[in-house]
């Protein structure tokens, strides 16, 4: 769907970014207070890092990817991540089961369509899972383009496209499936189909730590698990802001990717709502129907 079909109005001069920054700060406190149980059916390269990210944040991690258990656990969890990084046969069935269990129980869930486009098994699985209507989808620009049928994927797990080029695809996916779509990049692009929010926090070192992007999917699930009467868009934006402000805090102490990973966990545990509120760099625009 082209931009000419959906023209963009000028940026709203109202204090929407200020309100979103405040929501991010409050939701970070609520994640810590309520410790949502996050079920991650994720890839075997990042399970440990993902669990540690959730623990540092204040959430409770679980990695249940056995057929016969995944659906039951998704129904009991506060949020679910389905990550297609290493989709072995049994895990693919567990993903389907977990998504169905989440939908039946009303558990919010996040789809991360890792490395789809060129690789046929995960690409078909991603199409099947997005049709099950996840609450949110997060991926890099090439993954989002491939999910919308508008691109051939990236270079393995790395994007060959930028977030802005995936904007029409993200809007189309959001409208078609009723999900919030988050496109990662130097400036993240997040949309529910009627508004676009750009988050400019974070740092390139997140892309040089295995699991830096995948763990964000589980953090989104944690924030969705405590969203209450807030919109899904607000929860997804809040997760990005808190996660990426913590990354900026970690930079004060890191000397490279190895030390950054450790300091990032410390920063997630230590970053305050006031820091998140003050450091958030957010732009908001409404999109014409």
Protein backbone atom coordinates (compact mmCIF):
# COMPACT_ATOMS: atom_id res chain seq x y z
CA UNK A 1 0.00 0.00 0.00
CA UNK A 2 1.65 3.22 -1.14
CA UNK A 3 2.11 6.44 0.77
CA UNK A 4 0.01 8.16 -1.91
CA UNK A 5 -2.92 6.04 -0.80
CA UNK A 6 -2.32 6.95 2.83
CA UNK A 7 -0.99 10.52 2.98
CA UNK A 8 0.67 11.63 6.17
CA UNK A 9 -0.59 14.68 8.03
CA UNK A 10 1.98 17.04 9.56
CA UNK A 11 3.37 16.02 12.93
CA UNK A 12 0.88 16.63 15.73
CA UNK A 13 2.03 19.69 17.74
CA UNK A 14 0.27 18.38 20.87
CA UNK A 15 2.43 16.91 23.67
CA UNK A 16 1.88 13.30 22.56
CA UNK A 17 5.60 12.40 22.82
CA UNK A 18 5.64 13.79 26.36
CA UNK A 19 2.64 11.65 27.23
CA UNK A 20 4.27 8.58 25.68
CA UNK A 21 7.46 9.21 27.67
CA UNK A 22 5.40 9.42 30.85
CA UNK A 23 3.62 6.17 29.97
CA UNK A 24 6.97 4.44 29.39
CA UNK A 25 8.19 5.54 32.81
CA UNK A 26 5.01 4.39 34.56
CA UNK A 27 4.90 1.08 32.72
CA UNK A 28 8.52 0.32 33.66
CA UNK A 29 7.52 0.70 37.31
CA UNK A 30 4.53 -1.56 36.78
CA UNK A 31 6.63 -4.30 35.15
CA UNK A 32 8.91 -4.24 38.19
CA UNK A 33 6.00 -4.19 40.65
CA UNK A 34 3.98 -6.93 38.99
CA UNK A 35 6.76 -9.15 37.57
CA UNK A 36 4.77 -10.47 34.58
CA UNK A 37 5.36 -14.09 33.60
CA UNK A 38 6.72 -14.06 30.05
CA UNK A 39 6.62 -17.26 28.01
CA UNK A 40 9.28 -17.21 25.29
CA UNK A 41 9.24 -19.83 22.55
CA UNK A 42 12.47 -18.50 21.17
CA UNK A 43 15.59 -19.54 19.35
CA UNK A 44 18.24 -21.63 21.03
CA UNK A 45 20.98 -19.06 20.38
CA UNK A 46 19.42 -16.47 22.68
CA UNK A 47 17.50 -18.28 25.43
CA UNK A 48 19.96 -17.47 28.21
CA UNK A 49 20.35 -13.82 27.28
CA UNK A 50 16.59 -13.41 26.89
CA UNK A 51 15.94 -14.92 30.32
CA UNK A 52 18.58 -12.68 31.89
CA UNK A 53 17.11 -9.59 30.22
CA UNK A 54 13.68 -10.40 31.63
CA UNK A 55 15.08 -11.04 35.10
CA UNK A 56 17.07 -7.79 35.02
CA UNK A 57 13.96 -5.91 33.95
CA UNK A 58 11.95 -7.39 36.81
CA UNK A 59 9.85 -9.87 34.83
CA UNK A 60 9.71 -13.67 35.22
CA UNK A 61 10.99 -15.73 32.26
CA UNK A 62 9.91 -19.19 31.11
CA UNK A 63 10.98 -21.08 27.97
CA UNK A 64 8.39 -23.79 27.41
CA UNK A 65 8.70 -25.14 23.86
CA UNK A 66 7.45 -28.72 24.24
CA UNK A 67 4.37 -29.79 22.32
CA UNK A 68 1.63 -30.58 24.82
CA UNK A 69 2.88 -27.92 27.25
CA UNK A 70 3.42 -24.80 25.16
CA UNK A 71 -0.27 -24.07 24.66
CA UNK A 72 -1.16 -24.68 28.28
CA UNK A 73 1.64 -22.44 29.48
CA UNK A 74 0.76 -19.66 27.03
CA UNK A 75 -2.68 -19.58 28.60
CA UNK A 76 -1.22 -19.15 32.07
CA UNK A 77 1.43 -16.56 31.15
CA UNK A 78 1.01 -12.78 31.13
CA UNK A 79 2.71 -12.45 27.74
CA UNK A 80 4.14 -14.67 25.00
CA UNK A 81 6.99 -14.29 22.51
CA UNK A 82 7.16 -16.50 19.42
CA UNK A 83 10.60 -16.09 17.80
CA UNK A 84 11.41 -17.93 14.56
CA UNK A 85 15.20 -17.91 14.90
CA UNK A 86 15.81 -21.68 15.03
CA UNK A 87 12.49 -23.31 14.06
CA UNK A 88 13.13 -27.05 14.48
CA UNK A 89 10.20 -29.35 13.78
CA UNK A 90 8.91 -29.76 17.34
CA UNK A 91 9.43 -26.10 18.11
CA UNK A 92 7.39 -25.13 15.05
CA UNK A 93 4.49 -27.20 16.41
CA UNK A 94 5.01 -25.68 19.86
CA UNK A 95 4.83 -22.19 18.32
CA UNK A 96 1.50 -22.99 16.67
CA UNK A 97 0.22 -24.46 19.91
CA UNK A 98 1.42 -21.52 22.00
CA UNK A 99 -0.18 -18.98 19.65
CA UNK A 100 -3.48 -20.87 19.75
CA UNK A 101 -3.31 -21.16 23.54
CA UNK A 102 -2.59 -17.45 23.89
CA UNK A 103 -5.48 -16.51 21.63
CA UNK A 104 -7.87 -18.78 23.51
CA UNK A 105 -6.84 -17.36 26.90
CA UNK A 106 -6.52 -13.74 25.80
CA UNK A 107 -2.77 -13.65 26.47
CA UNK A 108 -1.04 -10.94 24.41
CA UNK A 109 1.66 -12.30 22.14
CA UNK A 110 4.51 -11.06 20.00
CA UNK A 111 5.74 -12.53 16.72
CA UNK A 112 9.40 -12.06 15.76
CA UNK A 113 9.80 -13.32 12.14
CA UNK A 114 13.57 -13.82 12.25
CA UNK A 115 15.38 -14.13 8.89
CA UNK A 116 12.27 -14.69 6.79
CA UNK A 117 12.21 -14.00 3.07
CA UNK A 118 14.87 -16.17 1.48
CA UNK A 119 14.44 -19.17 3.80
CA UNK A 120 11.27 -21.05 2.84
CA UNK A 121 10.29 -22.97 6.01
CA UNK A 122 10.36 -20.02 8.38
CA UNK A 123 8.81 -17.73 5.76
CA UNK A 124 5.78 -20.01 5.39
CA UNK A 125 5.56 -20.39 9.17
CA UNK A 126 5.66 -16.61 9.65
CA UNK A 127 2.77 -16.19 7.18
CA UNK A 128 0.79 -18.82 9.09
CA UNK A 129 1.47 -17.25 12.48
CA UNK A 130 0.75 -13.65 11.48
CA UNK A 131 -2.61 -14.87 10.16
CA UNK A 132 -3.28 -16.05 13.73
CA UNK A 133 -3.30 -12.33 14.62
CA UNK A 134 -0.50 -11.63 17.09
CA UNK A 135 -0.86 -8.62 19.34
CA UNK A 136 2.41 -7.19 18.03
CA UNK A 137 5.10 -8.02 15.48
CA UNK A 138 8.69 -6.85 15.77
CA UNK A 139 11.46 -7.31 13.28
CA UNK A 140 13.99 -5.52 11.16
CA UNK A 141 12.95 -3.73 7.97
CA UNK A 142 13.77 -6.63 5.65
CA UNK A 143 11.77 -9.05 7.79
CA UNK A 144 8.74 -6.76 7.88
CA UNK A 145 8.90 -6.24 4.12
CA UNK A 146 9.11 -10.01 3.57
CA UNK A 147 6.19 -10.63 5.94
CA UNK A 148 4.09 -8.22 3.87
CA UNK A 149 5.16 -9.93 0.63
CA UNK A 150 7.02 -6.81 -0.44
CA UNK A 151 10.64 -7.97 -0.13
CA UNK A 152 12.94 -10.96 -0.34
CA UNK A 153 14.44 -10.71 3.14
CA UNK A 154 17.80 -9.52 4.36
CA UNK A 155 21.28 -10.93 4.77
CA UNK A 156 20.58 -13.72 7.24
CA UNK A 157 19.33 -12.05 10.41
CA UNK A 158 20.62 -8.62 9.28
CA UNK A 159 18.48 -6.09 7.45
CA UNK A 160 19.24 -4.98 3.90
CA UNK A 161 16.59 -2.25 4.12
CA UNK A 162 16.02 0.71 6.43
CA UNK A 163 13.03 1.23 8.71
CA UNK A 164 11.56 4.07 6.66
CA UNK A 165 11.49 1.92 3.53
CA UNK A 166 9.36 -0.60 5.45
CA UNK A 167 6.83 2.04 6.54
CA UNK A 168 4.17 1.23 3.88
CA UNK A 169 4.53 -2.50 4.59
CA UNK A 170 4.23 -1.93 8.34
CA UNK A 171 1.08 0.16 7.88
CA UNK A 172 -0.44 -2.49 5.60
CA UNK A 173 0.33 -5.32 8.03
CA UNK A 174 -1.07 -3.38 10.97
CA UNK A 175 -4.31 -2.72 9.15
CA UNK A 176 -4.65 -6.22 7.75
CA UNK A 177 -3.99 -8.15 10.95
CA UNK A 178 -4.89 -5.65 13.69
CA UNK A 179 -1.39 -5.84 15.19
CA UNK A 180 1.08 -3.18 16.21
CA UNK A 181 4.13 -3.48 13.95
CA UNK A 182 7.57 -2.46 15.24
CA UNK A 183 10.39 -2.02 12.73
CA UNK A 184 13.84 -1.86 14.28
CA UNK A 185 16.56 0.46 13.07
CA UNK A 186 18.70 3.41 14.18
CA UNK A 187 15.29 5.06 14.63
CA UNK A 188 12.60 2.46 15.34
CA UNK A 189 9.28 2.83 13.53
CA UNK A 190 6.18 1.58 15.37
CA UNK A 191 2.64 1.71 14.00
CA UNK A 192 -0.90 0.54 14.69
CA UNK A 193 -2.01 1.55 11.21
CA UNK A 194 -3.42 4.92 12.25
CA UNK A 195 -0.36 6.50 13.90
CA UNK A 196 3.39 6.15 13.49
CA UNK A 197 5.76 6.57 16.43
CA UNK A 198 9.50 6.82 15.95
CA UNK A 199 11.86 6.04 18.84
CA UNK A 200 15.42 7.29 18.42
CA UNK A 201 16.95 5.85 21.60
CA UNK A 202 19.37 2.92 21.74
CA UNK A 203 22.79 2.28 20.26
CA UNK A 204 24.44 0.25 17.50
CA UNK A 205 26.12 -2.01 20.08
CA UNK A 206 22.74 -3.67 20.66
CA UNK A 207 23.15 -5.19 17.18
CA UNK A 208 26.57 -6.60 18.11
CA UNK A 209 25.32 -8.70 21.03
CA UNK A 210 23.63 -12.00 20.24
CA UNK A 211 20.03 -11.63 21.32
CA UNK A 212 19.97 -7.84 21.46
CA UNK A 213 16.99 -7.70 19.13
CA UNK A 214 15.40 -11.02 20.04
CA UNK A 215 15.27 -10.15 23.74
CA UNK A 216 13.40 -6.97 22.91
CA UNK A 217 10.53 -9.16 21.73
CA UNK A 218 10.27 -10.68 25.19
CA UNK A 219 10.39 -7.21 26.78
CA UNK A 220 7.50 -6.12 24.56
CA UNK A 221 5.59 -9.19 25.79
CA UNK A 222 6.32 -8.16 29.39
CA UNK A 223 4.99 -4.64 28.84
CA UNK A 224 1.92 -6.00 27.05
CA UNK A 225 1.34 -8.20 30.08
CA UNK A 226 0.84 -5.16 32.33
CA UNK A 227 -0.78 -2.75 29.87
CA UNK A 228 -4.24 -2.69 31.47
CA UNK A 229 -6.42 -0.15 29.67
CA UNK A 230 -3.54 1.38 27.71
CA UNK A 231 -3.34 0.82 23.98
CA UNK A 232 -1.10 -1.84 22.49
CA UNK A 233 0.77 0.95 20.69
CA UNK A 234 1.55 2.64 24.01
CA UNK A 235 2.83 -0.61 25.51
CA UNK A 236 5.05 -1.43 22.52
CA UNK A 237 6.50 2.08 22.42
CA UNK A 238 7.10 1.97 26.18
CA UNK A 239 9.02 -1.31 25.89
CA UNK A 240 11.28 0.15 23.18
CA UNK A 241 11.95 3.32 25.14
CA UNK A 242 12.80 1.60 28.43
CA UNK A 243 14.99 -1.02 26.71
CA UNK A 244 16.89 1.50 24.61
CA UNK A 245 17.37 4.11 27.33
CA UNK A 246 18.96 1.30 29.37
CA UNK A 247 21.26 0.60 26.40
CA UNK A 248 22.37 4.23 26.41
CA UNK A 249 23.05 4.02 30.13
CA UNK A 250 25.20 0.92 29.59
CA UNK A 251 27.37 2.84 27.13
CA UNK A 252 28.72 4.93 29.99
CA UNK A 253 30.60 1.88 31.27
CA UNK A 254 31.14 -0.40 28.24
CA UNK A 255 34.31 -0.62 26.21
CA UNK A 256 32.98 -2.97 23.52
CA UNK A 257 30.33 -5.62 22.80
CA UNK A 258 31.41 -7.99 25.57
CA UNK A 259 31.35 -5.48 28.38
CA UNK A 260 28.28 -3.84 26.88
CA UNK A 261 26.25 -7.06 27.26
CA UNK A 262 27.04 -7.26 30.97
CA UNK A 263 26.52 -3.56 31.62
CA UNK A 264 23.28 -3.65 29.66
CA UNK A 265 21.82 -6.19 32.09
CA UNK A 266 22.96 -3.99 34.98
CA UNK A 267 21.43 -0.94 33.32
CA UNK A 268 18.08 -2.68 32.78
CA UNK A 269 17.99 -3.44 36.49
CA UNK A 270 19.05 0.06 37.52
CA UNK A 271 17.48 2.47 35.04
CA UNK A 272 14.87 4.60 36.78
CA UNK A 273 11.48 5.75 35.54
CA UNK A 274 12.73 9.33 35.85
CA UNK A 275 15.66 8.53 33.52
CA UNK A 276 13.31 6.93 31.01
CA UNK A 277 10.98 9.92 31.15
CA UNK A 278 13.81 12.42 30.66
CA UNK A 279 15.81 10.54 28.02
CA UNK A 280 13.01 9.35 25.71
CA UNK A 281 13.38 10.59 22.14
CA UNK A 282 10.01 10.07 20.48
CA UNK A 283 8.30 11.48 17.41
CA UNK A 284 4.60 10.97 16.72
CA UNK A 285 2.45 11.41 13.64
CA UNK A 286 -1.08 10.45 12.76
CA UNK A 287 -1.73 8.77 9.41
CA UNK A 288 -4.81 9.50 7.34
CA UNK A 289 -7.17 6.56 6.88
